[in-house]
Protein backbone atom coordinates (compact mmCIF):
# COMPACT_ATOMS: atom_id res chain seq x y z
CA MET A 1 0.00 0.00 0.00
CA ALA A 2 1.37 3.42 -0.94
CA ILE A 3 1.52 6.01 1.78
CA SER A 4 -0.67 9.03 1.06
CA GLN A 5 1.31 12.25 1.33
CA THR A 6 -1.81 14.38 0.91
CA LEU A 7 -2.46 16.42 4.03
CA PHE A 8 -6.02 16.48 5.29
CA GLY A 9 -8.01 19.62 4.57
CA GLY A 10 -8.42 22.35 7.16
CA GLY A 11 -6.62 22.42 10.47
CA VAL A 12 -4.35 25.04 12.00
CA HIS A 13 -0.84 25.39 13.37
CA PRO A 14 -1.34 26.85 16.85
CA LYS A 15 1.21 29.34 18.07
CA GLU A 16 2.84 28.05 21.23
CA ILE A 17 2.78 31.14 23.40
CA GLY A 18 5.27 31.34 26.26
CA ASN A 19 6.64 27.90 27.15
CA GLY A 20 5.57 25.62 24.31
CA LYS A 21 6.97 22.27 23.21
CA GLN A 22 10.48 23.69 23.18
CA SER A 23 10.50 23.86 26.99
CA THR A 24 10.08 20.10 27.51
CA GLN A 25 10.77 18.27 24.25
CA SER A 26 14.43 17.63 25.13
CA LEU A 27 13.86 16.81 28.81
CA ASN A 28 14.10 13.17 29.88
CA ILE A 29 11.18 11.56 31.68
CA VAL A 30 11.49 11.85 35.47
CA ASP A 31 10.06 9.04 37.61
CA LEU A 32 8.25 10.65 40.54
CA THR A 33 8.25 9.15 44.02
CA PRO A 34 4.76 7.78 44.75
CA PRO A 35 2.69 10.09 46.99
CA ALA A 36 1.57 9.34 50.54
CA ARG A 37 -1.92 8.51 49.29
CA VAL A 38 -3.67 7.99 46.00
CA THR A 39 -7.34 8.35 45.08
CA ILE A 40 -8.06 6.05 42.15
CA PRO A 41 -11.25 6.66 40.13
CA MET A 42 -13.37 3.77 38.89
CA SER A 43 -14.14 5.61 35.64
CA MET A 44 -10.95 6.28 33.67
CA HIS A 45 -12.05 4.77 30.40
CA ALA A 46 -14.78 4.90 27.80
CA GLY A 47 -17.83 2.81 28.67
CA ALA A 48 -19.18 1.57 31.99
CA PRO A 49 -17.30 2.46 35.19
CA ALA A 50 -15.59 -0.33 37.10
CA SER A 51 -17.13 -1.62 40.34
CA VAL A 52 -15.14 -1.39 43.56
CA CYS A 53 -14.02 -4.90 44.59
CA VAL A 54 -12.06 -4.16 47.79
CA GLN A 55 -13.18 -3.42 51.34
CA LEU A 56 -12.55 -0.49 53.65
CA GLY A 57 -9.45 -1.21 55.74
CA GLN A 58 -8.19 -3.91 53.39
CA VAL A 59 -4.45 -4.06 52.71
CA VAL A 60 -3.77 -4.16 48.97
CA ASN A 61 -0.68 -4.79 46.90
CA LEU A 62 0.76 -2.81 44.02
CA GLY A 63 -0.98 -3.91 40.82
CA GLN A 64 -3.84 -5.64 42.64
CA LYS A 65 -7.26 -5.30 41.02
CA ILE A 66 -9.44 -2.91 43.03
CA GLY A 67 -12.13 -2.28 40.40
CA GLU A 68 -13.94 -4.95 38.36
CA ALA A 69 -14.85 -4.18 34.74
CA ASN A 70 -18.57 -3.94 34.00
CA GLY A 71 -19.40 -5.31 30.57
CA VAL A 72 -17.54 -5.41 27.27
CA ILE A 73 -16.86 -1.68 27.00
CA SER A 74 -15.18 -1.24 30.38
CA ALA A 75 -11.81 -1.83 32.04
CA PRO A 76 -10.58 -3.03 35.41
CA VAL A 77 -8.74 -0.68 37.77
CA HIS A 78 -5.62 -1.57 39.77
CA ALA A 79 -3.86 -0.26 42.86
CA SER A 80 -0.99 2.08 41.96
CA VAL A 81 0.63 1.72 45.40
CA SER A 82 0.61 -0.89 48.14
CA GLY A 83 -1.07 0.02 51.41
CA LYS A 84 -4.41 0.25 53.22
CA VAL A 85 -7.75 1.25 51.73
CA THR A 86 -8.81 4.23 53.84
CA VAL A 87 -11.76 5.63 51.86
CA ILE A 88 -14.31 4.19 49.45
CA GLY A 89 -16.30 7.12 48.20
CA LYS A 90 -16.55 9.61 45.35
CA CYS A 91 -14.15 11.88 43.52
CA ILE A 92 -14.38 14.51 40.80
CA LEU A 93 -12.62 13.78 37.53
CA PRO A 94 -10.77 16.47 35.53
CA SER A 95 -13.75 16.39 33.13
CA GLY A 96 -15.99 17.58 36.00
CA ARG A 97 -17.87 14.28 36.31
CA GLU A 98 -18.24 12.48 39.62
CA THR A 99 -17.33 8.82 39.97
CA ASP A 100 -16.69 6.16 42.59
CA ALA A 101 -13.13 6.06 43.87
CA VAL A 102 -10.81 4.18 46.22
CA THR A 103 -8.25 5.99 48.40
CA ILE A 104 -5.16 4.01 49.44
CA GLU A 105 -2.72 5.09 52.14
CA ASN A 106 0.73 4.28 50.77
CA ASP A 107 2.96 2.02 52.91
CA PHE A 108 5.89 2.82 50.56
CA GLU A 109 6.78 -0.87 50.22
CA ASP A 110 5.73 -1.10 46.53
CA ARG A 111 4.84 -4.71 47.26
CA TRP A 112 3.78 -6.25 43.95
CA ASP A 113 0.69 -8.40 43.85
CA GLU A 114 1.15 -12.06 42.97
CA SER A 115 -1.01 -11.54 39.87
CA VAL A 116 1.78 -9.43 38.35
CA ALA A 117 4.11 -11.96 36.75
CA ALA A 118 6.20 -12.11 33.59
CA SER A 119 4.97 -14.30 30.76
CA ALA A 120 6.19 -17.89 30.99
CA HIS A 121 6.51 -18.12 27.19
CA PRO A 122 7.06 -14.59 25.81
CA GLY A 123 8.14 -15.83 22.38
CA GLU A 124 5.02 -17.93 21.85
CA VAL A 125 2.28 -15.62 23.05
CA SER A 126 -0.96 -16.03 21.08
CA ALA A 127 -3.39 -13.42 19.80
CA GLU A 128 -5.91 -14.50 22.42
CA GLU A 129 -3.33 -14.11 25.21
CA ILE A 130 -2.44 -10.61 24.04
CA ILE A 131 -6.09 -9.56 24.03
CA GLU A 132 -6.63 -11.13 27.45
CA ALA A 133 -3.61 -9.30 28.87
CA ALA A 134 -4.94 -5.98 27.54
CA ARG A 135 -8.33 -6.76 29.06
CA THR A 136 -7.25 -7.96 32.51
CA LYS A 137 -4.48 -5.40 32.97
CA GLY A 138 -6.76 -2.43 32.28
CA ILE A 139 -4.99 -1.14 29.18
CA VAL A 140 -6.88 1.72 27.55
CA GLY A 141 -6.14 4.38 24.97
CA MET A 142 -3.74 6.88 26.47
CA GLY A 143 -4.12 9.54 23.83
CA GLY A 144 -7.32 10.99 25.30
CA ALA A 145 -10.39 8.88 24.58
CA ALA A 146 -9.31 5.99 26.88
CA PHE A 147 -11.18 3.37 24.86
CA PRO A 148 -10.47 -0.17 26.17
CA THR A 149 -7.62 -1.58 24.08
CA ALA A 150 -8.82 -5.18 24.23
CA VAL A 151 -12.01 -4.20 22.40
CA LYS A 152 -9.99 -2.60 19.60
CA LEU A 153 -7.68 -5.59 19.26
CA ASP A 154 -10.44 -8.19 19.20
CA THR A 155 -11.45 -8.01 15.54
CA SER A 156 -12.99 -11.49 15.46
CA ARG A 157 -16.53 -10.17 14.96
CA LEU A 158 -15.65 -7.65 12.26
CA ASP A 159 -16.29 -8.38 8.59
CA PRO A 160 -14.24 -7.44 6.71
CA LYS A 161 -11.42 -7.45 9.24
CA PRO A 162 -9.04 -4.46 9.53
CA ASP A 163 -5.74 -4.92 7.75
CA VAL A 164 -3.80 -1.82 8.88
CA LEU A 165 -2.66 -0.80 12.35
CA VAL A 166 -2.27 2.98 12.63
CA VAL A 167 -0.06 4.11 15.52
CA ASN A 168 -0.47 7.68 16.68
CA GLY A 169 2.77 9.44 17.58
CA SER A 170 1.84 12.80 16.12
CA GLU A 171 1.14 14.61 19.43
CA CYS A 172 -0.21 17.67 17.63
CA GLU A 173 -1.42 19.61 20.70
CA PRO A 174 0.69 22.62 21.76
CA TYR A 175 2.88 22.20 24.87
CA LEU A 176 2.54 18.41 25.16
CA THR A 177 5.68 16.30 24.67
CA SER A 178 5.01 13.15 26.74
CA ASP A 179 4.49 10.95 23.66
CA HIS A 180 7.58 12.53 22.10
CA ARG A 181 9.74 11.51 25.05
CA ILE A 182 8.22 8.03 25.26
CA MET A 183 9.18 7.46 21.61
CA VAL A 184 12.74 8.62 22.24
CA GLU A 185 13.27 6.80 25.55
CA CYS A 186 11.00 3.74 25.31
CA ALA A 187 11.12 2.98 21.59
CA GLU A 188 11.88 -0.73 22.00
CA ARG A 189 8.82 -1.32 24.19
CA ILE A 190 6.64 0.67 21.79
CA ALA A 191 7.91 -1.41 18.87
CA ASP A 192 7.18 -4.61 20.79
CA GLY A 193 3.68 -3.34 21.57
CA ILE A 194 3.11 -2.59 17.88
CA VAL A 195 4.12 -6.13 16.88
CA LEU A 196 1.89 -7.58 19.60
CA ALA A 197 -1.04 -5.41 18.48
CA MET A 198 -0.57 -6.52 14.86
CA LYS A 199 -0.67 -10.16 15.92
CA ALA A 200 -3.72 -9.69 18.15
CA SER A 201 -5.73 -7.71 15.58
CA GLY A 202 -4.62 -9.62 12.52
CA CYS A 203 -3.36 -6.48 10.79
CA GLN A 204 -0.73 -7.23 8.16
CA LYS A 205 0.75 -3.73 8.07
CA ALA A 206 1.41 -0.98 10.58
CA TYR A 207 2.25 2.68 10.13
CA VAL A 208 3.53 5.01 12.84
CA GLY A 209 2.62 8.64 12.11
CA ILE A 210 4.87 11.25 13.75
CA GLU A 211 4.82 14.97 13.02
CA ASP A 212 8.05 16.21 11.46
CA ASN A 213 8.69 18.65 14.32
CA LYS A 214 9.98 15.60 16.30
CA PRO A 215 12.95 14.48 14.14
CA ASP A 216 14.65 12.62 17.01
CA ALA A 217 11.49 10.59 17.67
CA VAL A 218 11.15 9.81 13.95
CA GLU A 219 14.75 8.63 13.78
CA ARG A 220 14.53 6.57 16.98
CA MET A 221 11.35 4.80 15.90
CA LYS A 222 12.86 4.06 12.49
CA GLN A 223 15.82 2.44 14.24
CA VAL A 224 13.60 -0.01 16.10
CA ALA A 225 11.15 -0.67 13.25
CA LYS A 226 13.45 -3.21 11.53
CA ASP A 227 11.11 -3.74 8.56
CA ARG A 228 8.30 -4.79 10.91
CA PHE A 229 6.37 -1.54 10.45
CA GLU A 230 6.78 1.78 8.68
CA VAL A 231 7.49 5.12 10.35
CA VAL A 232 6.15 8.15 8.48
CA ALA A 233 7.08 11.78 9.14
CA LEU A 234 3.97 13.91 8.64
CA PRO A 235 3.65 17.69 8.27
CA ALA A 236 3.02 19.36 11.63
CA ARG A 237 -0.56 20.51 11.51
CA TYR A 238 -3.27 20.31 14.15
CA PRO A 239 -5.38 18.12 14.45
CA GLN A 240 -3.09 15.59 12.77
CA GLY A 241 -3.45 13.23 15.74
CA PHE A 242 -7.20 12.70 15.42
CA GLU A 243 -8.07 9.22 14.21
CA LYS A 244 -9.80 10.24 11.01
CA MET A 245 -7.08 12.73 10.05
CA LEU A 246 -4.24 10.32 10.82
CA ILE A 247 -5.86 7.45 8.92
CA TYR A 248 -6.31 9.66 5.88
CA SER A 249 -2.75 11.04 6.06
CA LEU A 250 -1.20 7.57 6.35
CA THR A 251 -3.43 5.44 4.14
CA GLY A 252 -5.56 7.76 2.03
CA ARG A 253 -8.66 6.04 3.43
CA LYS A 254 -11.63 7.98 4.73
CA VAL A 255 -13.66 6.99 7.78
CA PRO A 256 -17.38 7.59 7.05
CA ASN A 257 -19.23 10.04 9.28
CA GLY A 258 -20.47 8.32 12.41
CA ALA A 259 -18.31 5.25 11.79
CA LEU A 260 -15.33 3.79 13.64
CA PRO A 261 -11.82 3.36 12.13
CA SER A 262 -12.63 -0.31 11.49
CA ALA A 263 -14.98 0.88 8.74
CA ALA A 264 -11.84 2.01 6.90
CA GLY A 265 -10.04 -1.24 7.68
CA CYS A 266 -7.91 0.28 10.44
CA VAL A 267 -7.14 -0.17 14.12
CA VAL A 268 -5.71 2.94 15.83
CA LEU A 269 -3.50 2.94 18.94
CA ASN A 270 -1.45 5.62 20.68
CA VAL A 271 2.30 5.08 21.20
CA GLY A 272 1.81 5.20 24.97
CA THR A 273 -0.84 2.50 24.67
CA CYS A 274 1.58 0.31 22.72
CA GLU A 275 4.19 0.70 25.46
CA ALA A 276 1.62 -0.23 28.11
CA LEU A 277 0.49 -3.24 26.05
CA SER A 278 4.05 -4.54 25.85
CA ARG A 279 4.48 -4.29 29.61
CA ALA A 280 1.11 -5.97 30.22
CA VAL A 281 1.97 -8.94 27.99
CA ARG A 282 5.66 -9.36 28.84
CA GLU A 283 5.65 -8.36 32.52
CA GLY A 284 2.02 -8.85 33.56
CA ARG A 285 2.06 -5.20 34.61
CA PRO A 286 -1.28 -3.37 34.85
CA LEU A 287 -1.67 0.26 33.81
CA ILE A 288 -0.73 1.95 37.09
CA ASP A 289 1.24 4.98 35.90
CA ARG A 290 1.67 7.26 32.92
CA VAL A 291 3.86 10.07 31.58
CA VAL A 292 2.48 13.60 31.94
CA THR A 293 3.86 16.85 30.50
CA VAL A 294 3.73 19.84 32.86
CA ALA A 295 4.28 23.06 30.92
CA GLY A 296 3.20 26.64 30.45
CA ARG A 297 3.59 29.05 33.34
CA VAL A 298 5.50 26.72 35.66
CA ASN A 299 8.94 27.15 37.18
CA LYS A 300 10.43 23.83 36.06
CA PRO A 301 8.55 22.33 33.08
CA GLY A 302 9.06 18.65 32.49
CA ASN A 303 7.80 15.20 31.61
CA PHE A 304 6.97 13.09 34.65
CA ARG A 305 6.02 9.45 35.09
CA ILE A 306 3.45 9.52 37.87
CA ARG A 307 1.23 6.95 39.56
CA ILE A 308 -2.46 6.87 38.68
CA GLY A 309 -4.44 8.41 41.52
CA ALA A 310 -1.81 10.98 42.48
CA THR A 311 -3.02 14.55 42.14
CA ALA A 312 -2.35 17.51 39.90
CA LEU A 313 -0.89 19.10 43.04
CA ASP A 314 1.83 16.43 43.02
CA LEU A 315 2.63 17.44 39.45
CA GLU A 316 2.70 21.11 40.42
CA ASP A 317 5.20 20.32 43.18
CA ALA A 318 7.34 18.28 40.78
CA ALA A 319 7.45 21.25 38.41
CA GLY A 320 8.58 23.66 41.11
CA GLY A 321 5.21 25.33 41.47
CA PHE A 322 3.23 27.64 39.23
CA MET A 323 4.31 31.17 38.34
CA ASP A 324 2.40 34.17 39.60
CA GLY A 325 -0.59 35.44 37.64
CA ILE A 326 -2.04 32.08 36.60
CA THR A 327 -5.52 32.47 35.17
CA LYS A 328 -6.16 28.97 33.82
CA ILE A 329 -5.10 25.40 34.62
CA ILE A 330 -5.77 22.86 31.88
CA VAL A 331 -5.67 19.07 32.00
CA GLY A 332 -4.75 17.81 28.54
CA GLY A 333 -3.75 20.08 25.70
CA ALA A 334 -4.35 23.78 25.23
CA MET A 335 -6.73 23.16 22.33
CA MET A 336 -8.92 20.36 23.68
CA GLY A 337 -8.13 20.03 27.36
CA ASN A 338 -10.44 20.62 30.32
CA THR A 339 -10.03 23.67 32.53
CA ILE A 340 -9.96 22.59 36.16
CA PRO A 341 -10.89 24.66 39.25
CA ASN A 342 -8.03 23.42 41.46
CA VAL A 343 -5.14 20.96 41.58
CA ASN A 344 -6.74 18.49 44.01
CA LEU A 345 -7.97 16.28 41.18
CA PRO A 346 -6.60 12.81 40.44
CA VAL A 347 -4.28 11.80 37.63
CA THR A 348 -6.16 9.35 35.42
CA LYS A 349 -5.13 6.97 32.65
CA ASN A 350 -5.86 9.59 29.97
CA PHE A 351 -4.30 12.54 31.83
CA GLY A 352 -1.74 13.59 29.20
CA GLY A 353 -0.72 17.05 30.33
CA LEU A 354 -1.04 19.85 32.86
CA VAL A 355 -0.79 23.27 31.21
CA THR A 356 -1.01 26.60 33.02
CA MET A 357 -1.65 29.96 31.40
CA ALA A 358 -1.65 33.61 32.42
CA GLU A 359 -2.81 36.39 30.10
CA GLU A 360 -2.79 34.03 27.10
CA GLY A 361 -5.52 32.05 28.80
CA HIS A 362 -7.91 34.98 28.92
CA VAL A 363 -11.22 34.37 27.12
CA PRO A 364 -11.89 37.44 24.92
CA GLU A 365 -15.30 39.00 24.56
CA GLU A 366 -17.32 37.85 21.57
CA SER A 367 -18.41 40.16 18.79
CA ALA A 368 -20.76 39.64 15.84
CA CYS A 369 -19.82 37.17 13.13
CA ILE A 370 -18.24 39.02 10.18
CA ARG A 371 -18.94 36.21 7.66
CA CYS A 372 -15.25 35.80 6.82
CA GLY A 373 -15.45 32.02 6.42
CA ARG A 374 -12.19 31.30 8.27
CA CYS A 375 -13.90 28.76 10.53
CA VAL A 376 -15.20 26.90 7.48
CA ARG A 377 -11.73 26.76 5.91
CA ALA A 378 -10.17 25.59 9.19
CA CYS A 379 -12.70 22.84 9.92
CA PRO A 380 -11.07 19.47 9.15
CA MET A 381 -14.52 17.83 9.05
CA LYS A 382 -15.77 20.17 6.28
CA LEU A 383 -18.57 21.58 8.46
CA MET A 384 -19.96 25.11 8.66
CA PRO A 385 -19.38 25.98 12.33
CA THR A 386 -21.21 29.32 12.03
CA ARG A 387 -24.39 27.61 10.88
CA ILE A 388 -24.33 25.03 13.70
CA ASP A 389 -23.55 27.83 16.16
CA ALA A 390 -26.54 29.84 14.96
CA TYR A 391 -28.89 26.89 15.49
CA ALA A 392 -27.41 26.26 18.94
CA ARG A 393 -27.84 29.87 20.06
CA HIS A 394 -31.47 29.68 19.03
CA ARG A 395 -31.77 26.40 20.95
CA ASP A 396 -32.73 24.60 17.76
CA TRP A 397 -30.98 21.35 18.59
CA ALA A 398 -32.58 19.42 15.73
CA GLY A 399 -31.35 22.07 13.31
CA ALA A 400 -27.85 21.85 14.76
CA VAL A 401 -27.86 18.08 14.27
CA ALA A 402 -29.10 18.48 10.69
CA ALA A 403 -26.24 20.92 10.07
CA GLY A 404 -23.70 18.29 11.17
CA ALA A 405 -23.14 18.96 14.88
CA LYS A 406 -22.65 15.26 15.64
CA ASN A 407 -19.78 15.09 13.15
CA CYS A 408 -17.85 17.80 14.99
CA MET A 409 -14.84 16.38 16.84
CA GLU A 410 -14.50 19.50 19.01
CA CYS A 411 -10.90 20.15 17.94
CA GLY A 412 -11.27 23.90 18.51
CA CYS A 413 -9.87 25.01 15.14
CA CYS A 414 -12.91 27.18 14.39
CA THR A 415 -12.70 29.06 17.68
CA TYR A 416 -8.94 29.44 17.33
CA VAL A 417 -9.10 31.20 13.94
CA CYS A 418 -12.24 33.30 14.51
CA PRO A 419 -11.37 37.03 14.38
CA ALA A 420 -14.67 37.84 16.11
CA LYS A 421 -13.68 35.53 19.00
CA ARG A 422 -16.91 33.55 18.71
CA GLN A 423 -17.04 30.58 21.09
CA LEU A 424 -17.97 28.22 18.27
CA THR A 425 -16.58 24.99 19.68
CA GLN A 426 -18.29 25.52 23.02
CA SER A 427 -21.59 26.26 21.29
CA ILE A 428 -21.37 23.14 19.14
CA ARG A 429 -20.39 21.02 22.15
CA MET A 430 -23.50 22.22 23.96
CA ALA A 431 -25.64 21.38 20.93
CA LYS A 432 -24.21 17.86 20.83
CA ALA A 433 -24.83 17.34 24.54
CA LEU A 434 -28.41 18.54 24.37
CA ALA A 435 -29.06 16.46 21.26
CA ARG A 436 -27.89 13.37 23.14
CA ILE A 437 -30.15 14.16 26.07
CA LYS A 438 -33.10 14.68 23.77
CA LYS A 439 -32.11 11.64 21.69
CA LEU A 440 -32.11 13.58 18.43
């Protein structure tokens, strides 16, 4: 299959104000000391939340299952420290949703659970064993959506079956460099995860898409590819890392509106997910930590490997604290992340970055649309954001749906380029939410 070099339509190249990628892209990952306590949410993945399966006062081991998956689209949750369960209650996620959670007081022994064991036959692992490891070890997409990886890899019910594995190393959001550093420092494990994912899914080919503003990551991944998969340097343009954009850039295939990547014969995984898959299969290690970029208005930006259930405050401390004048704290990227009210929120499996802003985070006052069409040109989904926005502001949710609101992937390009500072993405997001509630 020939690689398509045609860039997707629309998109933007966000200006990285203040400390952008350049502040952390050359900094090695720092392993943080586990905190005195962790609060681990039961909902850190797409689908049904896990059910708490430990008792108050129970002593648990590192890697022990503390949350049981509920149904096919779900994932188990594991203890990220060893110690005593001190609270079984609720917590607020960075998204603002409330979920069940388990708080563990750390005994600092890092005593691994007996369920965490290396594979007895690593060279002979079957597709079924790979899928089972992804399922039981709680591996989910680490690029943002947190979709259970086992569901993606199990293609047995699909007809026709996907034939291409697309690996996302583009990391197109401003500020974030965690995937960049993982590719540079953990390339062998990523490559192993890619090979395992190909075997599990039955895909004959795999392409790793990396934006060309990460030449060291491109070179490192090419070194470990060894003719097993192809590494492609793509033009740096947001939102290159979205599934539909990346599939088109790498294969020339288009995912139909409302369909999953499998409709285009593809399975999509993030590079961090591939690393976690390798560790789950080879070491029996559950997903208990992740790499997070802390950047923006902080004293010591960096990339930190932190335990799931630690807090954003722990990341702030690791980065030497925030600078004065902070107006906004964002979990995720500057374009699509969630603004959080404080730093007492837990690090989750899809917590990719902590970005702080001062004056650049100010939300400007809207003015009337000047009909310039910049939002239409920037929209990678070929929508007319102004039209959907107009329906939403008139509370015509059916009209917004008819205009394509459900096809919006909320990338923020329209809001970014609007000279009238219209909050188009927010308006469309509201229309989508209300349409779901009203089942339109």
